[in-house]
Amino acid sequence: MRILHLIHSEGVYGAELILLYLAREQQRRGHEPLVGSIRDPRTDQTPFEALAQSWGLPVVPIRIAPRPTPAVVRSLLRTVREVAPDVLHSHGYKPNILLGPLP
């Protein structure tokens, strides 16, 4: 099962570690977890993304403007459609709000 985990992260804290432990266990059980990391457009690789990759987890960097405009929502939805997950797991308020238009 392809599982896309989405998070907007400012560092490596509790929520980020929970996501990584969960994704690693899903991978160990034969699933295909992906870590979708939401950040501002000019952000380079974050420490969270580097840690996820060091754990062998694929990272999907999602660079969108910080304000939830219709264009930002469309961009995020486009990325989700391109990744085509079976399960979409959002971690935190930003992905929850931005993914509101999903059926």
Protein backbone atom coordinates (compact mmCIF):
# COMPACT_ATOMS: atom_id res chain seq x y z
CA MET A 1 0.00 0.00 0.00
CA ARG A 2 1.35 3.43 -0.97
CA ILE A 3 1.03 5.83 1.98
CA LEU A 4 1.78 9.54 1.73
CA HIS A 5 2.50 11.21 5.06
CA LEU A 6 2.23 15.00 4.92
CA ILE A 7 3.75 17.38 7.43
CA HIS A 8 4.85 21.00 7.61
CA SER A 9 7.95 20.86 9.75
CA GLU A 10 10.13 23.53 11.29
CA GLY A 11 12.59 21.01 12.73
CA VAL A 12 12.81 17.51 14.14
CA TYR A 13 10.51 17.29 17.14
CA GLY A 14 7.97 14.84 18.52
CA ALA A 15 5.48 14.87 15.63
CA GLU A 16 8.26 14.42 13.10
CA LEU A 17 9.74 11.49 14.99
CA ILE A 18 6.34 9.82 15.36
CA LEU A 19 5.85 10.16 11.59
CA LEU A 20 9.28 8.65 10.89
CA TYR A 21 8.80 5.74 13.29
CA LEU A 22 5.37 5.04 11.80
CA ALA A 23 6.64 5.21 8.21
CA ARG A 24 9.63 3.01 9.00
CA GLU A 25 7.38 0.38 10.55
CA GLN A 26 5.02 0.56 7.58
CA GLN A 27 7.99 0.04 5.28
CA ARG A 28 9.17 -2.90 7.37
CA ARG A 29 5.72 -4.46 6.95
CA GLY A 30 5.88 -4.23 3.17
CA HIS A 31 4.09 -0.95 2.53
CA GLU A 32 5.43 1.99 0.54
CA PRO A 33 5.43 5.05 2.81
CA LEU A 34 6.47 8.42 1.42
CA VAL A 35 7.26 11.49 3.49
CA GLY A 36 5.69 14.64 2.03
CA SER A 37 7.51 17.59 3.54
CA ILE A 38 5.71 20.92 3.13
CA ARG A 39 7.89 24.02 3.26
CA ASP A 40 8.22 27.46 1.68
CA PRO A 41 9.34 27.66 -1.96
CA ARG A 42 12.96 28.69 -1.38
CA THR A 43 13.66 26.12 1.32
CA ASP A 44 16.57 23.76 0.74
CA GLN A 45 16.60 20.27 2.16
CA THR A 46 15.56 20.41 5.81
CA PRO A 47 17.09 18.46 8.70
CA PHE A 48 13.82 16.50 8.88
CA GLU A 49 14.03 15.53 5.21
CA ALA A 50 17.68 14.55 5.59
CA LEU A 51 16.84 12.39 8.60
CA ALA A 52 13.97 10.69 6.76
CA GLN A 53 16.27 9.90 3.85
CA SER A 54 18.96 8.59 6.19
CA TRP A 55 16.34 6.16 7.52
CA GLY A 56 15.74 4.94 3.96
CA LEU A 57 12.40 6.70 3.58
CA PRO A 58 11.58 8.40 0.28
CA VAL A 59 10.93 12.12 0.64
CA VAL A 60 8.61 14.20 -1.53
CA PRO A 61 9.64 17.83 -1.00
CA ILE A 62 6.56 20.01 -1.39
CA ARG A 63 7.43 23.67 -1.74
CA ILE A 64 4.40 25.95 -1.57
CA ALA A 65 3.76 29.52 -0.49
CA PRO A 66 2.98 29.91 3.21
CA ARG A 67 -0.48 31.46 2.71
CA PRO A 68 -3.38 29.10 1.92
CA THR A 69 -4.46 30.63 -1.39
CA PRO A 70 -6.44 28.70 -4.01
CA ALA A 71 -3.23 28.38 -6.07
CA VAL A 72 -1.41 26.84 -3.09
CA VAL A 73 -4.22 24.35 -2.53
CA ARG A 74 -4.25 23.43 -6.24
CA SER A 75 -0.49 22.92 -6.19
CA LEU A 76 -0.68 20.62 -3.17
CA LEU A 77 -3.58 18.67 -4.66
CA ARG A 78 -1.65 18.30 -7.93
CA THR A 79 1.31 16.85 -6.03
CA VAL A 80 -0.94 14.43 -4.14
CA ARG A 81 -2.51 13.28 -7.41
CA GLU A 82 0.93 12.79 -9.00
CA VAL A 83 2.13 10.68 -6.07
CA ALA A 84 -1.16 8.73 -6.23
CA PRO A 85 -1.21 7.33 -2.70
CA ASP A 86 -3.67 4.70 -1.53
CA VAL A 87 -3.70 6.42 1.87
CA LEU A 88 -3.09 10.06 2.68
CA HIS A 89 -2.07 10.68 6.30
CA SER A 90 -1.75 14.32 7.32
CA HIS A 91 0.21 15.28 10.41
CA GLY A 92 -0.60 18.72 11.76
CA TYR A 93 -2.96 21.57 11.09
CA LYS A 94 -1.46 22.94 7.85
CA PRO A 95 -1.93 19.77 5.77
CA ASN A 96 -5.35 19.26 7.38
CA ILE A 97 -6.53 22.71 6.33
CA LEU A 98 -4.96 22.64 2.87
CA LEU A 99 -6.40 19.21 2.09
CA GLY A 100 -9.95 20.24 3.00
CA PRO A 101 -11.02 20.29 -0.68
CA LEU A 102 -10.32 16.57 -1.08
CA PRO A 103 -13.42 14.38 -1.31
